[in-house]
N, C-alpha and C. Protein backbone atom coordinates (compact mmCIF):
# COMPACT_ATOMS: atom_id res chain seq x y z
N MET A 1 -31.64 -54.39 -61.07
CA MET A 1 -31.15 -54.76 -59.76
C MET A 1 -30.53 -53.53 -59.08
N ARG A 2 -30.93 -53.28 -57.86
CA ARG A 2 -30.48 -52.12 -57.12
C ARG A 2 -29.26 -52.49 -56.26
N LYS A 3 -28.23 -51.67 -56.33
CA LYS A 3 -27.02 -51.94 -55.56
C LYS A 3 -27.04 -51.13 -54.27
N ASN A 4 -26.77 -51.78 -53.16
CA ASN A 4 -26.74 -51.10 -51.87
C ASN A 4 -25.45 -50.33 -51.71
N LYS A 5 -25.55 -49.11 -51.24
CA LYS A 5 -24.37 -48.29 -50.99
C LYS A 5 -23.80 -48.66 -49.62
N ILE A 6 -22.50 -48.69 -49.53
CA ILE A 6 -21.83 -48.97 -48.27
C ILE A 6 -21.44 -47.64 -47.64
N TYR A 7 -21.88 -47.43 -46.41
CA TYR A 7 -21.61 -46.18 -45.71
C TYR A 7 -20.46 -46.37 -44.72
N ASN A 8 -19.78 -45.28 -44.43
CA ASN A 8 -18.69 -45.26 -43.46
C ASN A 8 -19.31 -45.47 -42.07
N GLN A 9 -19.06 -46.64 -41.49
CA GLN A 9 -19.71 -47.02 -40.23
C GLN A 9 -19.29 -46.12 -39.07
N GLU A 10 -18.02 -45.72 -39.05
CA GLU A 10 -17.55 -44.84 -37.97
C GLU A 10 -18.24 -43.49 -38.04
N ALA A 11 -18.39 -42.97 -39.25
CA ALA A 11 -19.08 -41.69 -39.42
C ALA A 11 -20.54 -41.80 -38.98
N LEU A 12 -21.19 -42.91 -39.33
CA LEU A 12 -22.58 -43.12 -38.91
C LEU A 12 -22.69 -43.15 -37.39
N GLN A 13 -21.77 -43.84 -36.74
CA GLN A 13 -21.80 -43.94 -35.28
C GLN A 13 -21.59 -42.58 -34.63
N GLU A 14 -20.67 -41.79 -35.17
CA GLU A 14 -20.42 -40.45 -34.62
C GLU A 14 -21.66 -39.56 -34.76
N LEU A 15 -22.32 -39.64 -35.91
CA LEU A 15 -23.53 -38.85 -36.12
C LEU A 15 -24.65 -39.31 -35.20
N GLN A 16 -24.75 -40.62 -34.96
CA GLN A 16 -25.76 -41.14 -34.03
C GLN A 16 -25.52 -40.60 -32.63
N LYS A 17 -24.25 -40.60 -32.19
CA LYS A 17 -23.91 -40.09 -30.86
C LYS A 17 -24.23 -38.60 -30.76
N LYS A 18 -23.87 -37.86 -31.79
CA LYS A 18 -24.04 -36.41 -31.75
C LYS A 18 -25.51 -36.00 -31.74
N TYR A 19 -26.31 -36.61 -32.61
CA TYR A 19 -27.70 -36.18 -32.75
C TYR A 19 -28.71 -37.04 -32.00
N GLY A 20 -28.34 -38.25 -31.65
CA GLY A 20 -29.25 -39.12 -30.91
C GLY A 20 -30.33 -39.77 -31.76
N PHE A 21 -30.15 -39.76 -33.07
CA PHE A 21 -31.11 -40.39 -33.97
C PHE A 21 -30.71 -41.83 -34.25
N THR A 22 -31.65 -42.60 -34.78
CA THR A 22 -31.36 -43.99 -35.11
C THR A 22 -30.48 -44.06 -36.36
N ARG A 23 -29.85 -45.20 -36.52
CA ARG A 23 -29.01 -45.44 -37.69
C ARG A 23 -29.83 -45.31 -38.97
N ASP A 24 -31.05 -45.83 -38.94
CA ASP A 24 -31.95 -45.77 -40.08
C ASP A 24 -32.24 -44.31 -40.47
N TYR A 25 -32.53 -43.47 -39.48
CA TYR A 25 -32.83 -42.06 -39.75
C TYR A 25 -31.60 -41.36 -40.33
N ILE A 26 -30.43 -41.67 -39.79
CA ILE A 26 -29.18 -41.06 -40.29
C ILE A 26 -28.97 -41.43 -41.76
N ILE A 27 -29.12 -42.71 -42.09
CA ILE A 27 -28.91 -43.16 -43.47
C ILE A 27 -29.94 -42.53 -44.40
N LYS A 28 -31.19 -42.50 -43.99
CA LYS A 28 -32.23 -41.89 -44.83
C LYS A 28 -31.98 -40.40 -45.01
N SER A 29 -31.43 -39.75 -44.00
CA SER A 29 -31.08 -38.33 -44.12
C SER A 29 -29.97 -38.14 -45.15
N ILE A 30 -28.96 -39.00 -45.11
CA ILE A 30 -27.84 -38.93 -46.04
C ILE A 30 -28.33 -39.16 -47.47
N LYS A 31 -29.26 -40.09 -47.64
CA LYS A 31 -29.81 -40.39 -48.96
C LYS A 31 -30.71 -39.28 -49.49
N GLY A 32 -31.18 -38.41 -48.59
CA GLY A 32 -32.09 -37.36 -49.00
C GLY A 32 -33.55 -37.74 -48.87
N GLU A 33 -33.82 -38.82 -48.15
CA GLU A 33 -35.20 -39.29 -47.96
C GLU A 33 -35.90 -38.58 -46.80
N ARG A 34 -35.18 -37.78 -46.06
CA ARG A 34 -35.75 -37.00 -44.97
C ARG A 34 -35.51 -35.52 -45.29
N ILE A 35 -36.49 -34.69 -44.93
CA ILE A 35 -36.42 -33.27 -45.23
C ILE A 35 -36.42 -32.48 -43.92
N GLY A 36 -35.60 -31.46 -43.85
CA GLY A 36 -35.57 -30.62 -42.66
C GLY A 36 -34.18 -30.11 -42.38
N THR A 37 -34.06 -29.42 -41.28
CA THR A 37 -32.78 -28.82 -40.89
C THR A 37 -31.76 -29.88 -40.49
N TYR A 38 -32.19 -30.81 -39.65
CA TYR A 38 -31.26 -31.85 -39.19
C TYR A 38 -30.76 -32.75 -40.32
N PRO A 39 -31.64 -33.22 -41.18
CA PRO A 39 -31.13 -34.04 -42.29
C PRO A 39 -30.10 -33.31 -43.15
N LEU A 40 -30.28 -32.02 -43.37
CA LEU A 40 -29.29 -31.26 -44.14
C LEU A 40 -27.96 -31.19 -43.40
N ARG A 41 -28.01 -30.95 -42.11
CA ARG A 41 -26.78 -30.93 -41.30
C ARG A 41 -26.09 -32.29 -41.33
N ILE A 42 -26.91 -33.34 -41.20
CA ILE A 42 -26.37 -34.70 -41.20
C ILE A 42 -25.69 -35.00 -42.53
N GLN A 43 -26.31 -34.62 -43.65
CA GLN A 43 -25.71 -34.83 -44.98
C GLN A 43 -24.36 -34.13 -45.07
N GLU A 44 -24.31 -32.88 -44.65
CA GLU A 44 -23.06 -32.10 -44.73
C GLU A 44 -21.97 -32.70 -43.84
N GLU A 45 -22.34 -33.03 -42.61
CA GLU A 45 -21.35 -33.58 -41.68
C GLU A 45 -20.87 -34.96 -42.11
N TYR A 46 -21.78 -35.78 -42.65
CA TYR A 46 -21.38 -37.10 -43.11
C TYR A 46 -20.35 -36.95 -44.23
N LYS A 47 -20.60 -36.05 -45.16
CA LYS A 47 -19.67 -35.84 -46.27
C LYS A 47 -18.31 -35.41 -45.74
N GLN A 48 -18.29 -34.50 -44.78
CA GLN A 48 -17.03 -34.04 -44.20
C GLN A 48 -16.30 -35.19 -43.50
N LEU A 49 -17.01 -35.96 -42.70
CA LEU A 49 -16.39 -37.08 -41.99
C LEU A 49 -15.87 -38.14 -42.96
N ASP A 50 -16.66 -38.45 -43.98
CA ASP A 50 -16.27 -39.46 -44.96
C ASP A 50 -15.05 -38.99 -45.76
N ASP A 51 -15.06 -37.73 -46.18
CA ASP A 51 -13.91 -37.18 -46.92
C ASP A 51 -12.65 -37.19 -46.06
N ALA A 52 -12.78 -36.83 -44.78
CA ALA A 52 -11.63 -36.83 -43.88
C ALA A 52 -11.08 -38.24 -43.69
N ALA A 53 -11.96 -39.22 -43.59
CA ALA A 53 -11.52 -40.61 -43.43
C ALA A 53 -10.79 -41.09 -44.68
N LYS A 54 -11.33 -40.76 -45.84
CA LYS A 54 -10.68 -41.16 -47.10
C LYS A 54 -9.32 -40.50 -47.25
N LEU A 55 -9.21 -39.23 -46.86
CA LEU A 55 -7.94 -38.51 -46.93
C LEU A 55 -6.90 -39.15 -46.00
N ALA A 56 -7.33 -39.50 -44.79
CA ALA A 56 -6.42 -40.13 -43.83
C ALA A 56 -5.93 -41.48 -44.35
N ILE A 57 -6.81 -42.25 -44.96
CA ILE A 57 -6.43 -43.54 -45.53
C ILE A 57 -5.44 -43.34 -46.67
N ARG A 58 -5.72 -42.37 -47.52
CA ARG A 58 -4.84 -42.09 -48.65
C ARG A 58 -3.44 -41.67 -48.17
N LYS A 59 -3.39 -40.80 -47.16
CA LYS A 59 -2.10 -40.35 -46.63
C LYS A 59 -1.32 -41.50 -46.03
N GLN A 60 -2.01 -42.36 -45.27
CA GLN A 60 -1.35 -43.51 -44.65
C GLN A 60 -0.84 -44.47 -45.71
N SER A 61 -1.61 -44.66 -46.75
CA SER A 61 -1.21 -45.55 -47.84
C SER A 61 0.03 -45.01 -48.55
N GLU A 62 0.04 -43.72 -48.82
CA GLU A 62 1.20 -43.09 -49.47
C GLU A 62 2.44 -43.19 -48.57
N LYS A 63 2.23 -43.01 -47.27
CA LYS A 63 3.34 -43.08 -46.32
C LYS A 63 3.96 -44.48 -46.33
N GLN A 64 3.11 -45.50 -46.37
CA GLN A 64 3.61 -46.87 -46.38
C GLN A 64 4.31 -47.21 -47.69
N LEU A 65 3.82 -46.66 -48.79
CA LEU A 65 4.46 -46.91 -50.08
C LEU A 65 5.84 -46.27 -50.16
N ASN A 66 6.01 -45.15 -49.49
CA ASN A 66 7.30 -44.43 -49.52
C ASN A 66 8.33 -45.06 -48.62
N ASN A 67 7.93 -45.93 -47.71
CA ASN A 67 8.89 -46.56 -46.79
C ASN A 67 9.43 -47.83 -47.34
């Protein structure tokens, strides 16, 4: 049984706005199913956006725990 990965929806939307590609193309680029310059850029930027979102959530969580 194959498990579907859940992607950061905000990051996907930002990449769609920036590059003008469909959601499907963005996801396939992130998965590595598309080859080329843009898919590589999309993979790198998605990782950066996702990491930044996780860091912000972690910081907010720590801030709330300390209060």
